[in-house]
Amino acid sequence: MSLKITDDCTSCDACVSVCPNQAISAGDVIYVIDANRCSECVGAEDSPQCQLVCPADCIVAGLAESQDALMAKYKALHA
């Protein structure tokens, strides 16, 4: 599943640099995750790096996707 950032985001910027797919960017008020680019770090890491570094714990599950779909998304972005 792609992840999403809740309104609890403090816009600290910690998540941006750890995203292997460059899926996180500044929104109008808080940071946002592009669901078309988020693979939950499948293909790059063992777990979502943004969730590990987020001090506000505001990155949560979003759209449900299979592991195969996430891997396909990662491969398409890094081909």
N, C-alpha and C. Protein backbone atom coordinates (compact mmCIF):
# COMPACT_ATOMS: atom_id res chain seq x y z
N MET A 1 0.84 -1.17 0.00
CA MET A 1 0.00 0.00 0.00
C MET A 1 0.89 1.23 0.00
N SER A 2 0.47 2.21 -0.65
CA SER A 2 1.22 3.46 -0.56
C SER A 2 0.88 4.10 0.77
N LEU A 3 1.78 4.90 1.25
CA LEU A 3 1.60 5.54 2.54
C LEU A 3 1.00 6.93 2.36
N LYS A 4 0.55 7.52 3.46
CA LYS A 4 0.05 8.89 3.42
C LYS A 4 0.49 9.58 4.70
N ILE A 5 0.50 10.90 4.65
CA ILE A 5 0.90 11.71 5.80
C ILE A 5 -0.34 12.38 6.37
N THR A 6 -0.51 12.25 7.68
CA THR A 6 -1.68 12.83 8.34
C THR A 6 -1.46 14.31 8.67
N ASP A 7 -2.51 14.93 9.14
CA ASP A 7 -2.47 16.35 9.52
C ASP A 7 -1.56 16.62 10.72
N ASP A 8 -1.07 15.57 11.36
CA ASP A 8 -0.16 15.73 12.49
C ASP A 8 1.26 16.08 12.04
N CYS A 9 1.50 16.11 10.74
CA CYS A 9 2.81 16.42 10.18
C CYS A 9 3.28 17.79 10.66
N THR A 10 4.55 17.86 11.08
CA THR A 10 5.14 19.12 11.54
C THR A 10 6.00 19.76 10.46
N SER A 11 6.02 19.18 9.26
CA SER A 11 6.83 19.68 8.14
C SER A 11 8.30 19.79 8.50
N CYS A 12 8.81 18.78 9.20
CA CYS A 12 10.20 18.80 9.66
C CYS A 12 11.19 18.45 8.56
N ASP A 13 10.71 17.82 7.47
CA ASP A 13 11.55 17.50 6.32
C ASP A 13 12.37 16.22 6.49
N ALA A 14 12.25 15.51 7.60
CA ALA A 14 13.06 14.32 7.86
C ALA A 14 12.79 13.20 6.86
N CYS A 15 11.57 13.09 6.39
CA CYS A 15 11.17 11.98 5.52
C CYS A 15 11.63 12.14 4.07
N VAL A 16 11.83 13.34 3.62
CA VAL A 16 12.09 13.61 2.21
C VAL A 16 13.36 12.92 1.72
N SER A 17 14.45 13.09 2.43
CA SER A 17 15.73 12.58 1.96
C SER A 17 15.86 11.06 2.03
N VAL A 18 15.05 10.40 2.84
CA VAL A 18 15.17 8.94 2.97
C VAL A 18 14.30 8.18 1.98
N CYS A 19 13.46 8.87 1.24
CA CYS A 19 12.57 8.20 0.28
C CYS A 19 13.33 7.82 -0.99
N PRO A 20 13.44 6.52 -1.29
CA PRO A 20 14.19 6.09 -2.47
C PRO A 20 13.50 6.42 -3.79
N ASN A 21 12.22 6.76 -3.74
CA ASN A 21 11.45 7.03 -4.96
C ASN A 21 11.13 8.50 -5.16
N GLN A 22 11.63 9.34 -4.29
CA GLN A 22 11.33 10.77 -4.34
C GLN A 22 9.82 11.01 -4.40
N ALA A 23 9.10 10.29 -3.55
CA ALA A 23 7.64 10.35 -3.53
C ALA A 23 7.11 11.40 -2.56
N ILE A 24 7.96 11.98 -1.74
CA ILE A 24 7.51 12.92 -0.71
C ILE A 24 7.91 14.33 -1.08
N SER A 25 6.95 15.23 -0.98
CA SER A 25 7.23 16.64 -1.30
C SER A 25 6.40 17.54 -0.39
N ALA A 26 6.77 18.80 -0.36
CA ALA A 26 6.05 19.77 0.45
C ALA A 26 4.71 20.07 -0.20
N GLY A 27 3.66 20.01 0.61
CA GLY A 27 2.34 20.39 0.14
C GLY A 27 2.06 21.82 0.57
N ASP A 28 0.81 22.23 0.52
CA ASP A 28 0.45 23.59 0.93
C ASP A 28 0.73 23.83 2.41
N VAL A 29 0.39 22.85 3.25
CA VAL A 29 0.56 23.01 4.69
C VAL A 29 1.50 21.94 5.25
N ILE A 30 1.30 20.70 4.83
CA ILE A 30 2.11 19.58 5.31
C ILE A 30 2.74 18.87 4.11
N TYR A 31 3.63 17.94 4.39
CA TYR A 31 4.23 17.15 3.33
C TYR A 31 3.20 16.15 2.80
N VAL A 32 3.38 15.74 1.55
CA VAL A 32 2.46 14.79 0.91
C VAL A 32 3.27 13.68 0.25
N ILE A 33 2.64 12.52 0.10
CA ILE A 33 3.25 11.37 -0.56
C ILE A 33 2.49 11.10 -1.84
N ASP A 34 3.22 11.03 -2.95
CA ASP A 34 2.63 10.71 -4.25
C ASP A 34 2.41 9.20 -4.30
N ALA A 35 1.15 8.78 -4.28
CA ALA A 35 0.81 7.35 -4.27
C ALA A 35 1.33 6.62 -5.51
N ASN A 36 1.51 7.33 -6.60
CA ASN A 36 2.03 6.70 -7.81
C ASN A 36 3.52 6.41 -7.72
N ARG A 37 4.21 7.02 -6.77
CA ARG A 37 5.65 6.82 -6.60
C ARG A 37 6.00 6.02 -5.34
N CYS A 38 5.08 5.94 -4.39
CA CYS A 38 5.36 5.27 -3.12
C CYS A 38 5.26 3.75 -3.27
N SER A 39 6.37 3.08 -2.96
CA SER A 39 6.38 1.61 -2.98
C SER A 39 6.61 1.06 -1.58
N GLU A 40 6.44 1.90 -0.56
CA GLU A 40 6.69 1.52 0.83
C GLU A 40 8.11 0.98 0.98
N CYS A 41 9.01 1.44 0.16
CA CYS A 41 10.42 1.04 0.14
C CYS A 41 10.63 -0.40 -0.31
N VAL A 42 9.58 -1.08 -0.79
CA VAL A 42 9.76 -2.41 -1.35
C VAL A 42 10.72 -2.28 -2.53
N GLY A 43 11.71 -3.14 -2.55
CA GLY A 43 12.73 -3.10 -3.59
C GLY A 43 13.98 -2.35 -3.17
N ALA A 44 13.86 -1.52 -2.13
CA ALA A 44 15.00 -0.72 -1.68
C ALA A 44 15.39 -1.01 -0.24
N GLU A 45 14.42 -1.18 0.62
CA GLU A 45 14.68 -1.37 2.06
C GLU A 45 13.71 -2.41 2.62
N ASP A 46 13.98 -2.84 3.85
CA ASP A 46 13.12 -3.84 4.50
C ASP A 46 11.83 -3.25 5.06
N SER A 47 11.83 -1.95 5.31
CA SER A 47 10.64 -1.29 5.84
C SER A 47 10.62 0.16 5.37
N PRO A 48 9.47 0.79 5.41
CA PRO A 48 9.38 2.18 4.96
C PRO A 48 10.27 3.11 5.79
N GLN A 49 11.24 3.70 5.14
CA GLN A 49 12.20 4.54 5.83
C GLN A 49 11.58 5.82 6.37
N CYS A 50 10.60 6.36 5.66
CA CYS A 50 9.96 7.59 6.13
C CYS A 50 9.30 7.39 7.48
N GLN A 51 8.67 6.22 7.67
CA GLN A 51 8.02 5.94 8.95
C GLN A 51 9.06 5.84 10.07
N LEU A 52 10.23 5.30 9.76
CA LEU A 52 11.26 5.14 10.77
C LEU A 52 11.81 6.47 11.27
N VAL A 53 11.90 7.45 10.39
CA VAL A 53 12.51 8.73 10.77
C VAL A 53 11.51 9.80 11.20
N CYS A 54 10.24 9.56 11.01
CA CYS A 54 9.23 10.57 11.32
C CYS A 54 9.07 10.77 12.83
N PRO A 55 9.43 11.95 13.34
CA PRO A 55 9.31 12.19 14.78
C PRO A 55 7.87 12.36 15.25
N ALA A 56 6.96 12.65 14.35
CA ALA A 56 5.55 12.86 14.71
C ALA A 56 4.70 11.60 14.52
N ASP A 57 5.30 10.52 14.00
CA ASP A 57 4.56 9.28 13.72
C ASP A 57 3.29 9.55 12.92
N CYS A 58 3.41 10.38 11.90
CA CYS A 58 2.22 10.78 11.14
C CYS A 58 2.16 10.14 9.75
N ILE A 59 3.02 9.17 9.47
CA ILE A 59 2.98 8.49 8.18
C ILE A 59 2.31 7.14 8.39
N VAL A 60 1.17 6.97 7.74
CA VAL A 60 0.31 5.81 7.99
C VAL A 60 -0.05 5.12 6.67
N ALA A 61 -0.66 3.95 6.79
CA ALA A 61 -1.10 3.20 5.61
C ALA A 61 -2.13 3.98 4.82
N GLY A 62 -2.02 3.88 3.52
CA GLY A 62 -2.97 4.54 2.63
C GLY A 62 -3.66 3.51 1.76
N LEU A 63 -3.48 3.62 0.46
CA LEU A 63 -4.09 2.69 -0.48
C LEU A 63 -3.47 1.31 -0.39
N ALA A 64 -4.28 0.27 -0.28
CA ALA A 64 -3.77 -1.10 -0.19
C ALA A 64 -3.29 -1.58 -1.55
N GLU A 65 -2.05 -2.10 -1.58
CA GLU A 65 -1.47 -2.66 -2.80
C GLU A 65 -0.71 -3.93 -2.42
N SER A 66 -0.63 -4.88 -3.35
CA SER A 66 0.09 -6.12 -3.09
C SER A 66 1.60 -5.87 -3.14
N GLN A 67 2.35 -6.79 -2.55
CA GLN A 67 3.81 -6.69 -2.60
C GLN A 67 4.31 -6.71 -4.04
N ASP A 68 3.66 -7.50 -4.89
CA ASP A 68 4.04 -7.56 -6.32
C ASP A 68 3.81 -6.21 -7.00
N ALA A 69 2.70 -5.57 -6.69
CA ALA A 69 2.41 -4.26 -7.28
C ALA A 69 3.41 -3.22 -6.81
N LEU A 70 3.77 -3.28 -5.53
CA LEU A 70 4.74 -2.33 -5.00
C LEU A 70 6.11 -2.54 -5.65
N MET A 71 6.51 -3.81 -5.83
CA MET A 71 7.79 -4.11 -6.46
C MET A 71 7.78 -3.65 -7.92
N ALA A 72 6.68 -3.86 -8.61
CA ALA A 72 6.56 -3.42 -10.01
C ALA A 72 6.69 -1.90 -10.10
N LYS A 73 6.07 -1.20 -9.17
CA LYS A 73 6.15 0.26 -9.14
C LYS A 73 7.60 0.70 -8.93
N TYR A 74 8.29 0.05 -7.98
CA TYR A 74 9.69 0.40 -7.70
C TYR A 74 10.56 0.15 -8.93
N LYS A 75 10.37 -1.01 -9.57
CA LYS A 75 11.18 -1.34 -10.75
C LYS A 75 10.91 -0.37 -11.89
N ALA A 76 9.68 0.04 -12.07
CA ALA A 76 9.35 0.98 -13.14
C ALA A 76 10.01 2.34 -12.90
N LEU A 77 10.11 2.74 -11.64
CA LEU A 77 10.73 4.01 -11.31
C LEU A 77 12.25 3.99 -11.41
N HIS A 78 12.82 2.80 -11.29
CA HIS A 78 14.28 2.68 -11.26
C HIS A 78 14.84 1.86 -12.41
N ALA A 79 14.09 1.78 -13.47
CA ALA A 79 14.54 0.99 -14.63
C ALA A 79 15.62 1.72 -15.42
